[in-house]
């Protein structure tokens, strides 16, 4: 199979296999984070609104964990589903800042409306993947324990040596689905918002970027994972800032990776 050629040109194409991709460096993800932090500081009210949504989602998962620990493992996959959708407003804010416009919360909340049908199709694909992941995690849970274990409301109880087989199996299954969702969606949402690209073309372009520049994209994914995990440790409160910064940074990842002129955003 002939490798996909990377271009620095800015000519856009309708084909997902011809949309130009810029060659990335390992320093680019850190630059995206710096730009994301800059955008957060320029519109902190918008960022904190969406960061609060991420934090409340975390608290909801903790509440579910106290009552039904098996289900929180399945529902946690929803972070990868809801995250990109919540970030649409952040993408819109970064896009407006890039254009020299003033972002507004109300406008960011409606940013998905012009692309509702396309985003709906893409969201359905992510929903199917999330449901498969949730079902797979419940199967792993059922096969690993003879009865419902008592974790005493603590996630740390999962790290017990007796649960090592479960942890290994869950991480393997979760890693497979997380990798697939990441590859499919890493630049898809901002691309749909900015260019009006159809869902399939956006997903294929995202996968193409991941496959042709795997090292950089793995590094970017590792940074996202590390930041999210650290942000979750203080009762999910770190997501107040980490969530919006990553959302803004994801916009800059898309802008840095995909060549060609952006759409008019109408």
C-alpha atoms as a PDB file:
ATOM      1  CA  UNK A   1       0.000   0.000   0.000  1.00  0.00           C
ATOM      2  CA  UNK A   2       1.389   3.385  -1.013  1.00  0.00           C
ATOM      3  CA  UNK A   3       1.869   5.738   1.952  1.00  0.00           C
ATOM      4  CA  UNK A   4      -0.260   8.875   1.997  1.00  0.00           C
ATOM      5  CA  UNK A   5       1.833  11.878   1.042  1.00  0.00           C
ATOM      6  CA  UNK A   6       1.861  14.857   3.392  1.00  0.00           C
ATOM      7  CA  UNK A   7       1.602  18.320   1.905  1.00  0.00           C
ATOM      8  CA  UNK A   8       2.237  21.808   3.137  1.00  0.00           C
ATOM      9  CA  UNK A   9       0.005  23.286   0.474  1.00  0.00           C
ATOM     10  CA  UNK A  10      -3.147  25.158   1.407  1.00  0.00           C
ATOM     11  CA  UNK A  11      -5.327  23.947  -1.423  1.00  0.00           C
ATOM     12  CA  UNK A  12      -8.450  22.295  -0.070  1.00  0.00           C
ATOM     13  CA  UNK A  13      -9.983  19.193  -1.615  1.00  0.00           C
ATOM     14  CA  UNK A  14     -13.305  17.448  -1.313  1.00  0.00           C
ATOM     15  CA  UNK A  15     -11.686  14.014  -1.046  1.00  0.00           C
ATOM     16  CA  UNK A  16     -10.644  12.963   2.476  1.00  0.00           C
ATOM     17  CA  UNK A  17      -7.604  11.275   0.918  1.00  0.00           C
ATOM     18  CA  UNK A  18      -6.468  14.469  -0.778  1.00  0.00           C
ATOM     19  CA  UNK A  19      -7.090  17.057   1.929  1.00  0.00           C
ATOM     20  CA  UNK A  20      -3.563  18.360   2.614  1.00  0.00           C
ATOM     21  CA  UNK A  21      -2.011  17.507   5.959  1.00  0.00           C
ATOM     22  CA  UNK A  22       0.856  19.513   7.340  1.00  0.00           C
ATOM     23  CA  UNK A  23       3.933  17.720   8.620  1.00  0.00           C
ATOM     24  CA  UNK A  24       3.969  17.918  12.410  1.00  0.00           C
ATOM     25  CA  UNK A  25       6.869  18.022  14.874  1.00  0.00           C
ATOM     26  CA  UNK A  26       6.991  16.563  18.367  1.00  0.00           C
ATOM     27  CA  UNK A  27       7.059  20.075  19.787  1.00  0.00           C
ATOM     28  CA  UNK A  28       3.708  20.955  18.204  1.00  0.00           C
ATOM     29  CA  UNK A  29       1.482  19.397  20.916  1.00  0.00           C
ATOM     30  CA  UNK A  30       3.163  21.561  23.558  1.00  0.00           C
ATOM     31  CA  UNK A  31       2.616  24.588  21.333  1.00  0.00           C
ATOM     32  CA  UNK A  32      -1.072  23.659  21.007  1.00  0.00           C
ATOM     33  CA  UNK A  33      -1.348  23.522  24.791  1.00  0.00           C
ATOM     34  CA  UNK A  34       0.280  26.944  25.087  1.00  0.00           C
ATOM     35  CA  UNK A  35      -2.187  28.355  22.556  1.00  0.00           C
ATOM     36  CA  UNK A  36      -5.048  26.670  24.397  1.00  0.00           C
ATOM     37  CA  UNK A  37      -3.963  28.295  27.652  1.00  0.00           C
ATOM     38  CA  UNK A  38      -3.741  31.658  25.873  1.00  0.00           C
ATOM     39  CA  UNK A  39      -7.292  31.291  24.528  1.00  0.00           C
ATOM     40  CA  UNK A  40      -8.576  30.277  27.966  1.00  0.00           C
ATOM     41  CA  UNK A  41      -7.082  33.427  29.483  1.00  0.00           C
ATOM     42  CA  UNK A  42      -8.651  35.548  26.744  1.00  0.00           C
ATOM     43  CA  UNK A  43     -12.177  34.231  27.399  1.00  0.00           C
ATOM     44  CA  UNK A  44     -12.116  32.716  30.914  1.00  0.00           C
ATOM     45  CA  UNK A  45     -15.868  32.983  31.454  1.00  0.00           C
ATOM     46  CA  UNK A  46     -16.627  30.716  28.513  1.00  0.00           C
ATOM     47  CA  UNK A  47     -13.890  28.301  29.538  1.00  0.00           C
ATOM     48  CA  UNK A  48     -15.059  28.051  33.141  1.00  0.00           C
ATOM     49  CA  UNK A  49     -18.632  27.396  32.007  1.00  0.00           C
ATOM     50  CA  UNK A  50     -17.571  24.381  29.973  1.00  0.00           C
ATOM     51  CA  UNK A  51     -15.035  23.373  32.627  1.00  0.00           C
ATOM     52  CA  UNK A  52     -17.880  23.306  35.153  1.00  0.00           C
ATOM     53  CA  UNK A  53     -19.783  20.948  32.866  1.00  0.00           C
ATOM     54  CA  UNK A  54     -16.807  18.566  32.795  1.00  0.00           C
ATOM     55  CA  UNK A  55     -16.515  18.736  36.591  1.00  0.00           C
ATOM     56  CA  UNK A  56     -20.216  18.018  37.132  1.00  0.00           C
ATOM     57  CA  UNK A  57     -19.908  15.007  34.814  1.00  0.00           C
ATOM     58  CA  UNK A  58     -17.103  13.729  37.021  1.00  0.00           C
ATOM     59  CA  UNK A  59     -19.144  14.191  40.179  1.00  0.00           C
ATOM     60  CA  UNK A  60     -22.037  12.329  38.547  1.00  0.00           C
ATOM     61  CA  UNK A  61     -19.738   9.402  37.790  1.00  0.00           C
ATOM     62  CA  UNK A  62     -18.584   9.332  41.407  1.00  0.00           C
ATOM     63  CA  UNK A  63     -22.202   9.271  42.577  1.00  0.00           C
ATOM     64  CA  UNK A  64     -22.911   6.338  40.258  1.00  0.00           C
ATOM     65  CA  UNK A  65     -19.762   4.574  41.490  1.00  0.00           C
ATOM     66  CA  UNK A  66     -20.979   4.658  45.066  1.00  0.00           C
ATOM     67  CA  UNK A  67     -24.155   2.816  44.083  1.00  0.00           C
ATOM     68  CA  UNK A  68     -23.130   0.657  41.094  1.00  0.00           C
ATOM     69  CA  UNK A  69     -19.361   0.411  40.519  1.00  0.00           C
ATOM     70  CA  UNK A  70     -19.733  -1.879  37.510  1.00  0.00           C
ATOM     71  CA  UNK A  71     -21.664   0.757  35.592  1.00  0.00           C
ATOM     72  CA  UNK A  72     -19.288   3.627  36.242  1.00  0.00           C
ATOM     73  CA  UNK A  73     -16.609   1.743  34.314  1.00  0.00           C
ATOM     74  CA  UNK A  74     -18.941   1.582  31.345  1.00  0.00           C
ATOM     75  CA  UNK A  75     -20.236   5.133  31.718  1.00  0.00           C
ATOM     76  CA  UNK A  76     -16.710   6.530  31.993  1.00  0.00           C
ATOM     77  CA  UNK A  77     -16.381   5.847  28.286  1.00  0.00           C
ATOM     78  CA  UNK A  78     -18.960   8.568  27.823  1.00  0.00           C
ATOM     79  CA  UNK A  79     -16.291  11.149  28.594  1.00  0.00           C
ATOM     80  CA  UNK A  80     -14.792  10.427  25.202  1.00  0.00           C
ATOM     81  CA  UNK A  81     -18.228  10.818  23.648  1.00  0.00           C
ATOM     82  CA  UNK A  82     -19.431  13.930  25.458  1.00  0.00           C
ATOM     83  CA  UNK A  83     -16.051  15.654  25.582  1.00  0.00           C
ATOM     84  CA  UNK A  84     -15.792  16.566  21.878  1.00  0.00           C
ATOM     85  CA  UNK A  85     -19.412  17.751  21.805  1.00  0.00           C
ATOM     86  CA  UNK A  86     -18.961  19.985  24.844  1.00  0.00           C
ATOM     87  CA  UNK A  87     -15.814  21.339  23.223  1.00  0.00           C
ATOM     88  CA  UNK A  88     -17.664  22.558  20.118  1.00  0.00           C
ATOM     89  CA  UNK A  89     -18.361  25.815  21.928  1.00  0.00           C
ATOM     90  CA  UNK A  90     -14.673  26.093  22.798  1.00  0.00           C
ATOM     91  CA  UNK A  91     -13.696  25.451  19.174  1.00  0.00           C
ATOM     92  CA  UNK A  92     -16.027  28.258  18.152  1.00  0.00           C
ATOM     93  CA  UNK A  93     -14.474  30.602  20.717  1.00  0.00           C
ATOM     94  CA  UNK A  94     -10.943  29.825  19.494  1.00  0.00           C
ATOM     95  CA  UNK A  95     -12.018  30.261  15.888  1.00  0.00           C
ATOM     96  CA  UNK A  96     -13.452  33.698  16.643  1.00  0.00           C
ATOM     97  CA  UNK A  97     -10.362  34.739  18.563  1.00  0.00           C
ATOM     98  CA  UNK A  98      -8.266  33.629  15.594  1.00  0.00           C
ATOM     99  CA  UNK A  99     -10.365  35.885  13.356  1.00  0.00           C
ATOM    100  CA  UNK A 100     -10.021  38.833  15.703  1.00  0.00           C
ATOM    101  CA  UNK A 101     -13.654  38.580  16.810  1.00  0.00           C
ATOM    102  CA  UNK A 102     -14.988  38.609  20.369  1.00  0.00           C
ATOM    103  CA  UNK A 103     -16.382  35.201  21.443  1.00  0.00           C
ATOM    104  CA  UNK A 104     -19.607  35.025  23.436  1.00  0.00           C
ATOM    105  CA  UNK A 105     -21.052  32.225  25.546  1.00  0.00           C
ATOM    106  CA  UNK A 106     -24.467  32.374  23.909  1.00  0.00           C
ATOM    107  CA  UNK A 107     -22.945  32.127  20.448  1.00  0.00           C
ATOM    108  CA  UNK A 108     -20.712  29.226  21.511  1.00  0.00           C
ATOM    109  CA  UNK A 109     -23.727  27.326  22.836  1.00  0.00           C
ATOM    110  CA  UNK A 110     -25.367  27.599  19.418  1.00  0.00           C
ATOM    111  CA  UNK A 111     -22.232  26.872  17.399  1.00  0.00           C
ATOM    112  CA  UNK A 112     -23.352  23.327  16.583  1.00  0.00           C
ATOM    113  CA  UNK A 113     -26.660  24.362  14.980  1.00  0.00           C
ATOM    114  CA  UNK A 114     -25.396  25.100  11.424  1.00  0.00           C
ATOM    115  CA  UNK A 115     -23.739  21.663  11.358  1.00  0.00           C
ATOM    116  CA  UNK A 116     -26.408  19.816  13.363  1.00  0.00           C
ATOM    117  CA  UNK A 117     -27.092  17.041  10.838  1.00  0.00           C
ATOM    118  CA  UNK A 118     -23.426  16.277  10.189  1.00  0.00           C
ATOM    119  CA  UNK A 119     -22.530  16.420  13.869  1.00  0.00           C
ATOM    120  CA  UNK A 120     -25.519  14.188  14.593  1.00  0.00           C
ATOM    121  CA  UNK A 121     -24.268  11.539  12.184  1.00  0.00           C
ATOM    122  CA  UNK A 122     -20.784  11.713  13.626  1.00  0.00           C
ATOM    123  CA  UNK A 123     -22.181  11.627  17.155  1.00  0.00           C
ATOM    124  CA  UNK A 124     -24.160   8.502  16.320  1.00  0.00           C
ATOM    125  CA  UNK A 125     -20.961   6.755  15.207  1.00  0.00           C
ATOM    126  CA  UNK A 126     -19.259   7.732  18.468  1.00  0.00           C
ATOM    127  CA  UNK A 127     -22.343   6.615  20.411  1.00  0.00           C
ATOM    128  CA  UNK A 128     -22.204   3.154  18.822  1.00  0.00           C
ATOM    129  CA  UNK A 129     -18.508   2.873  19.693  1.00  0.00           C
ATOM    130  CA  UNK A 130     -19.205   4.048  23.249  1.00  0.00           C
ATOM    131  CA  UNK A 131     -22.038   1.519  23.659  1.00  0.00           C
ATOM    132  CA  UNK A 132     -19.795  -1.272  22.391  1.00  0.00           C
ATOM    133  CA  UNK A 133     -17.096  -0.157  24.809  1.00  0.00           C
ATOM    134  CA  UNK A 134     -19.601  -0.021  27.658  1.00  0.00           C
ATOM    135  CA  UNK A 135     -20.894  -3.503  26.870  1.00  0.00           C
ATOM    136  CA  UNK A 136     -17.366  -4.873  26.565  1.00  0.00           C
ATOM    137  CA  UNK A 137     -16.377  -3.356  29.918  1.00  0.00           C
ATOM    138  CA  UNK A 138     -19.410  -4.948  31.597  1.00  0.00           C
ATOM    139  CA  UNK A 139     -18.483  -8.324  30.103  1.00  0.00           C
ATOM    140  CA  UNK A 140     -14.930  -7.954  31.424  1.00  0.00           C
ATOM    141  CA  UNK A 141     -16.347  -7.002  34.818  1.00  0.00           C
ATOM    142  CA  UNK A 142     -18.699 -10.021  34.859  1.00  0.00           C
ATOM    143  CA  UNK A 143     -15.946 -12.446  33.855  1.00  0.00           C
ATOM    144  CA  UNK A 144     -13.513 -11.054  36.421  1.00  0.00           C
ATOM    145  CA  UNK A 145     -15.714 -11.247  39.521  1.00  0.00           C
ATOM    146  CA  UNK A 146     -17.996 -14.018  40.743  1.00  0.00           C
ATOM    147  CA  UNK A 147     -20.107 -11.506  42.628  1.00  0.00           C
ATOM    148  CA  UNK A 148     -20.404  -7.748  42.884  1.00  0.00           C
ATOM    149  CA  UNK A 149     -17.218  -6.664  44.718  1.00  0.00           C
ATOM    150  CA  UNK A 150     -17.323  -4.058  47.465  1.00  0.00           C
ATOM    151  CA  UNK A 151     -14.927  -1.230  46.646  1.00  0.00           C
ATOM    152  CA  UNK A 152     -16.060   0.762  49.687  1.00  0.00           C
ATOM    153  CA  UNK A 153     -16.717   3.766  47.446  1.00  0.00           C
ATOM    154  CA  UNK A 154     -13.021   4.112  46.620  1.00  0.00           C
ATOM    155  CA  UNK A 155     -11.473   3.869  43.188  1.00  0.00           C
ATOM    156  CA  UNK A 156      -8.161   3.008  44.870  1.00  0.00           C
ATOM    157  CA  UNK A 157      -9.668  -0.322  45.947  1.00  0.00           C
ATOM    158  CA  UNK A 158      -9.497  -1.388  42.313  1.00  0.00           C
ATOM    159  CA  UNK A 159      -5.696  -1.419  42.609  1.00  0.00           C
ATOM    160  CA  UNK A 160      -5.776  -4.388  44.965  1.00  0.00           C
ATOM    161  CA  UNK A 161      -3.394  -7.135  43.824  1.00  0.00           C
ATOM    162  CA  UNK A 162      -6.329  -9.522  43.510  1.00  0.00           C
ATOM    163  CA  UNK A 163      -7.747  -7.347  40.739  1.00  0.00           C
ATOM    164  CA  UNK A 164      -4.664  -7.333  38.501  1.00  0.00           C
ATOM    165  CA  UNK A 165      -6.205  -9.649  35.892  1.00  0.00           C
ATOM    166  CA  UNK A 166      -9.303  -7.462  35.752  1.00  0.00           C
ATOM    167  CA  UNK A 167      -7.214  -4.297  35.431  1.00  0.00           C
ATOM    168  CA  UNK A 168      -5.129  -5.807  32.621  1.00  0.00           C
ATOM    169  CA  UNK A 169      -8.193  -7.025  30.708  1.00  0.00           C
ATOM    170  CA  UNK A 170     -10.083  -3.767  31.185  1.00  0.00           C
ATOM    171  CA  UNK A 171      -7.109  -1.662  30.087  1.00  0.00           C
ATOM    172  CA  UNK A 172      -6.632  -3.838  26.989  1.00  0.00           C
ATOM    173  CA  UNK A 173     -10.283  -3.592  25.962  1.00  0.00           C
ATOM    174  CA  UNK A 174     -10.537   0.053  26.928  1.00  0.00           C
ATOM    175  CA  UNK A 175      -7.308   0.898  25.126  1.00  0.00           C
ATOM    176  CA  UNK A 176      -8.620  -0.657  21.917  1.00  0.00           C
ATOM    177  CA  UNK A 177     -11.846   1.349  21.937  1.00  0.00           C
ATOM    178  CA  UNK A 178     -10.189   4.522  23.224  1.00  0.00           C
ATOM    179  CA  UNK A 179      -7.613   4.329  20.450  1.00  0.00           C
ATOM    180  CA  UNK A 180     -10.307   3.856  17.819  1.00  0.00           C
ATOM    181  CA  UNK A 181     -12.397   6.759  19.148  1.00  0.00           C
ATOM    182  CA  UNK A 182      -9.325   8.963  19.448  1.00  0.00           C
ATOM    183  CA  UNK A 183      -8.150   8.230  15.906  1.00  0.00           C
ATOM    184  CA  UNK A 184     -11.634   8.871  14.534  1.00  0.00           C
ATOM    185  CA  UNK A 185     -12.356  12.090  16.408  1.00  0.00           C
ATOM    186  CA  UNK A 186      -9.046  13.820  17.196  1.00  0.00           C
ATOM    187  CA  UNK A 187      -9.633  16.564  14.585  1.00  0.00           C
ATOM    188  CA  UNK A 188     -13.077  15.635  13.244  1.00  0.00           C
ATOM    189  CA  UNK A 189     -15.295  17.934  15.315  1.00  0.00           C
ATOM    190  CA  UNK A 190     -13.387  21.188  14.696  1.00  0.00           C
ATOM    191  CA  UNK A 191     -13.055  20.216  11.034  1.00  0.00           C
ATOM    192  CA  UNK A 192     -16.819  19.740  10.681  1.00  0.00           C
ATOM    193  CA  UNK A 193     -17.478  23.004  12.508  1.00  0.00           C
ATOM    194  CA  UNK A 194     -14.954  25.015  10.505  1.00  0.00           C
ATOM    195  CA  UNK A 195     -15.296  23.588   7.006  1.00  0.00           C
ATOM    196  CA  UNK A 196     -18.708  21.961   6.893  1.00  0.00           C
ATOM    197  CA  UNK A 197     -16.998  18.673   6.000  1.00  0.00           C
ATOM    198  CA  UNK A 198     -19.243  15.614   5.972  1.00  0.00           C
ATOM    199  CA  UNK A 199     -18.910  13.173   8.869  1.00  0.00           C
ATOM    200  CA  UNK A 200     -17.245  10.390   6.883  1.00  0.00           C
ATOM    201  CA  UNK A 201     -14.646  12.677   5.290  1.00  0.00           C
ATOM    202  CA  UNK A 202     -13.830  14.251   8.664  1.00  0.00           C
ATOM    203  CA  UNK A 203     -13.437  10.838  10.320  1.00  0.00           C
ATOM    204  CA  UNK A 204     -11.280   9.493   7.484  1.00  0.00           C
ATOM    205  CA  UNK A 205      -9.083  12.596   7.538  1.00  0.00           C
ATOM    206  CA  UNK A 206      -8.653  12.199  11.301  1.00  0.00           C
ATOM    207  CA  UNK A 207      -7.729   8.524  10.917  1.00  0.00           C
ATOM    208  CA  UNK A 208      -5.383   9.376   8.042  1.00  0.00           C
ATOM    209  CA  UNK A 209      -3.620  11.959  10.189  1.00  0.00           C
ATOM    210  CA  UNK A 210      -3.234   9.440  13.023  1.00  0.00           C
ATOM    211  CA  UNK A 211      -1.881   6.717  10.739  1.00  0.00           C
ATOM    212  CA  UNK A 212       0.534   8.921   8.797  1.00  0.00           C
ATOM    213  CA  UNK A 213       1.905  10.826  11.805  1.00  0.00           C
ATOM    214  CA  UNK A 214       1.438   8.213  14.482  1.00  0.00           C
ATOM    215  CA  UNK A 215       4.295   9.294  16.728  1.00  0.00           C
ATOM    216  CA  UNK A 216       3.170  12.887  17.145  1.00  0.00           C
ATOM    217  CA  UNK A 217      -0.483  11.910  17.539  1.00  0.00           C
ATOM    218  CA  UNK A 218       0.365   9.285  20.165  1.00  0.00           C
ATOM    219  CA  UNK A 219       2.337  11.960  22.006  1.00  0.00           C
ATOM    220  CA  UNK A 220      -0.651  14.315  21.786  1.00  0.00           C
ATOM    221  CA  UNK A 221      -2.978  11.577  23.040  1.00  0.00           C
ATOM    222  CA  UNK A 222      -0.618  10.785  25.922  1.00  0.00           C
ATOM    223  CA  UNK A 223      -0.521  14.453  26.912  1.00  0.00           C
ATOM    224  CA  UNK A 224      -4.319  14.661  26.867  1.00  0.00           C
ATOM    225  CA  UNK A 225      -4.614  11.494  28.961  1.00  0.00           C
ATOM    226  CA  UNK A 226      -2.039  12.627  31.514  1.00  0.00           C
ATOM    227  CA  UNK A 227      -3.604  16.064  31.910  1.00  0.00           C
ATOM    228  CA  UNK A 228      -7.118  14.653  32.286  1.00  0.00           C
ATOM    229  CA  UNK A 229      -6.006  12.052  34.853  1.00  0.00           C
ATOM    230  CA  UNK A 230      -4.148  14.659  36.911  1.00  0.00           C
ATOM    231  CA  UNK A 231      -7.124  17.030  36.652  1.00  0.00           C
ATOM    232  CA  UNK A 232      -9.453  14.319  37.968  1.00  0.00           C
ATOM    233  CA  UNK A 233      -7.400  13.608  41.085  1.00  0.00           C
ATOM    234  CA  UNK A 234      -8.530  16.636  43.168  1.00  0.00           C
ATOM    235  CA  UNK A 235     -12.208  15.656  43.056  1.00  0.00           C
ATOM    236  CA  UNK A 236     -12.434  16.450  39.333  1.00  0.00           C
ATOM    237  CA  UNK A 237     -11.905  20.140  40.160  1.00  0.00           C
ATOM    238  CA  UNK A 238      -8.876  20.308  37.887  1.00  0.00           C
ATOM    239  CA  UNK A 239     -11.218  19.873  34.938  1.00  0.00           C
ATOM    240  CA  UNK A 240     -12.475  23.406  35.535  1.00  0.00           C
ATOM    241  CA  UNK A 241      -9.309  24.633  33.812  1.00  0.00           C
ATOM    242  CA  UNK A 242      -7.842  21.542  32.137  1.00  0.00           C
ATOM    243  CA  UNK A 243     -11.053  20.780  30.226  1.00  0.00           C
ATOM    244  CA  UNK A 244     -11.374  24.131  28.431  1.00  0.00           C
ATOM    245  CA  UNK A 245      -7.617  24.450  27.865  1.00  0.00           C
ATOM    246  CA  UNK A 246      -7.611  21.058  26.123  1.00  0.00           C
ATOM    247  CA  UNK A 247     -10.687  22.075  24.139  1.00  0.00           C
ATOM    248  CA  UNK A 248      -9.008  25.233  22.870  1.00  0.00           C
ATOM    249  CA  UNK A 249      -5.790  23.293  22.260  1.00  0.00           C
ATOM    250  CA  UNK A 250      -7.680  20.736  20.164  1.00  0.00           C
ATOM    251  CA  UNK A 251      -8.804  23.532  17.872  1.00  0.00           C
ATOM    252  CA  UNK A 252      -5.187  24.550  17.365  1.00  0.00           C
ATOM    253  CA  UNK A 253      -4.246  20.889  16.785  1.00  0.00           C
ATOM    254  CA  UNK A 254      -6.752  20.795  13.932  1.00  0.00           C
ATOM    255  CA  UNK A 255      -5.565  24.132  12.510  1.00  0.00           C
ATOM    256  CA  UNK A 256      -1.942  23.036  12.789  1.00  0.00           C
ATOM    257  CA  UNK A 257      -2.491  19.649  11.176  1.00  0.00           C
ATOM    258  CA  UNK A 258      -4.927  20.286   8.318  1.00  0.00           C
ATOM    259  CA  UNK A 259      -3.899  22.430   5.392  1.00  0.00           C
ATOM    260  CA  UNK A 260      -6.111  24.362   3.022  1.00  0.00           C
ATOM    261  CA  UNK A 261      -8.309  27.370   3.657  1.00  0.00           C
ATOM    262  CA  UNK A 262     -10.853  27.018   6.458  1.00  0.00           C
ATOM    263  CA  UNK A 263     -14.547  27.410   5.740  1.00  0.00           C
ATOM    264  CA  UNK A 264     -16.449  30.544   6.467  1.00  0.00           C
ATOM    265  CA  UNK A 265     -18.067  28.926   9.497  1.00  0.00           C
ATOM    266  CA  UNK A 266     -21.539  29.818   8.316  1.00  0.00           C
END
